Protein backbone atom coordinates (compact mmCIF):
# COMPACT_ATOMS: atom_id res chain seq x y z
CA MET A 1 27.85 57.86 -44.89
CA ALA A 2 31.45 56.42 -45.12
CA THR A 3 31.85 53.39 -47.36
CA ASP A 4 32.58 50.02 -45.62
CA LEU A 5 35.87 49.29 -46.95
CA GLU A 6 35.73 45.66 -45.99
CA LYS A 7 32.49 45.30 -48.09
CA TYR A 8 33.99 47.25 -50.86
CA ALA A 9 36.84 44.78 -51.05
CA HIS A 10 34.68 41.82 -50.98
CA ASP A 11 32.25 43.24 -53.67
CA ASN A 12 35.11 44.39 -56.00
CA GLY A 13 37.77 41.69 -55.55
CA ILE A 14 40.25 44.04 -53.72
CA LYS A 15 43.24 42.25 -52.14
CA TYR A 16 45.08 45.34 -50.93
CA PHE A 17 44.52 49.03 -50.18
CA LEU A 18 47.13 51.60 -50.80
CA MET A 19 46.87 53.96 -47.85
CA ASN A 20 48.06 57.40 -48.95
CA PHE A 21 48.74 60.86 -47.84
CA THR A 22 50.75 63.75 -49.35
CA ASP A 23 53.59 65.38 -47.35
CA LEU A 24 54.46 69.01 -47.46
CA PHE A 25 56.80 68.61 -50.54
CA GLY A 26 53.93 66.96 -52.47
CA THR A 27 55.40 63.47 -52.13
CA GLN A 28 52.85 60.70 -51.87
CA ARG A 29 53.38 58.58 -48.80
CA SER A 30 51.79 55.17 -48.81
CA LYS A 31 51.31 51.92 -47.02
CA LEU A 32 50.08 48.80 -48.60
CA VAL A 33 47.54 47.16 -46.52
CA PRO A 34 46.01 43.73 -46.99
CA ALA A 35 42.15 43.82 -47.38
CA GLN A 36 41.75 41.54 -44.31
CA ALA A 37 43.24 44.50 -42.12
CA ILE A 38 41.29 47.34 -43.66
CA GLY A 39 38.41 47.20 -41.02
CA ALA A 40 40.88 47.89 -38.27
CA MET A 41 42.63 50.59 -40.30
CA GLN A 42 39.16 52.32 -41.00
CA LYS A 43 38.74 52.53 -37.26
CA SER A 44 42.27 53.45 -35.95
CA GLY A 45 44.38 54.26 -39.14
CA ALA A 46 47.50 53.37 -40.54
CA GLY A 47 50.59 54.35 -38.55
CA PHE A 48 53.27 56.58 -40.03
CA ALA A 49 56.32 58.39 -38.45
CA GLY A 50 55.57 62.06 -38.89
CA PHE A 51 59.32 62.97 -38.79
CA ALA A 52 60.05 60.86 -41.80
CA ALA A 53 57.34 62.61 -43.83
CA TRP A 54 58.77 66.16 -43.54
CA LEU A 55 55.93 67.27 -41.36
CA ASP A 56 58.17 69.41 -38.99
CA MET A 57 58.28 66.75 -36.29
CA THR A 58 61.00 64.83 -34.61
CA PRO A 59 61.51 61.20 -33.71
CA ALA A 60 60.34 62.15 -30.27
CA HIS A 61 56.83 62.81 -31.53
CA PRO A 62 54.25 60.02 -31.39
CA ASP A 63 53.29 58.24 -34.61
CA MET A 64 50.61 59.89 -36.65
CA PHE A 65 47.67 57.84 -38.11
CA ALA A 66 46.22 58.19 -41.58
CA ILE A 67 42.50 57.56 -41.29
CA PRO A 68 41.20 56.42 -44.71
CA ASP A 69 38.65 58.74 -46.67
CA ALA A 70 36.51 55.72 -47.52
CA ASP A 71 34.21 57.89 -49.67
CA ALA A 72 37.25 58.66 -52.00
CA VAL A 73 38.37 55.16 -52.49
CA ILE A 74 39.48 54.20 -56.14
CA GLN A 75 39.92 50.86 -57.64
CA LEU A 76 43.18 51.01 -59.80
CA PRO A 77 42.18 50.13 -63.36
CA TRP A 78 45.70 48.95 -64.16
CA LYS A 79 45.78 46.71 -61.09
CA PRO A 80 42.28 45.92 -60.09
CA GLU A 81 43.13 43.97 -56.96
CA VAL A 82 44.42 47.12 -55.42
CA ALA A 83 42.39 50.27 -54.28
CA TRP A 84 43.88 53.46 -53.61
CA VAL A 85 42.40 55.58 -50.61
CA PRO A 86 43.52 58.77 -49.34
CA GLY A 87 43.99 59.40 -45.56
CA ASP A 88 43.43 62.26 -43.26
CA LEU A 89 46.20 62.57 -40.73
CA TYR A 90 45.76 62.45 -36.87
CA MET A 91 48.02 62.41 -33.86
CA ASP A 92 46.69 61.83 -30.24
CA GLY A 93 43.18 61.99 -31.62
CA LYS A 94 43.45 65.36 -33.30
CA ARG A 95 43.94 66.35 -36.95
CA ILE A 96 47.58 67.26 -37.64
CA GLU A 97 47.54 71.01 -38.61
CA GLN A 98 50.46 70.89 -40.99
CA ALA A 99 48.92 68.15 -43.10
CA PRO A 100 48.14 69.39 -46.62
């Protein structure tokens, strides 16, 4: 069962989530999301421009969305008010094939 990230934030003093995915060159792409917005992000994802992340897309492609993998959330030990959470990439409701 997926972790409720809103509850996780409340229970652990999290103020921000670092939503993250890796592009095809191994670069970490991130978006800092306030904890108050994480519930919506857990349902619909954080938007990213695929063409800007080297995923073989053009500006004409729709945005892709990183849906957080809530079971992999990690509270950063050096900045405990921030939690890192990896995302699975989707576009138009389907997984992005070229996402690592």
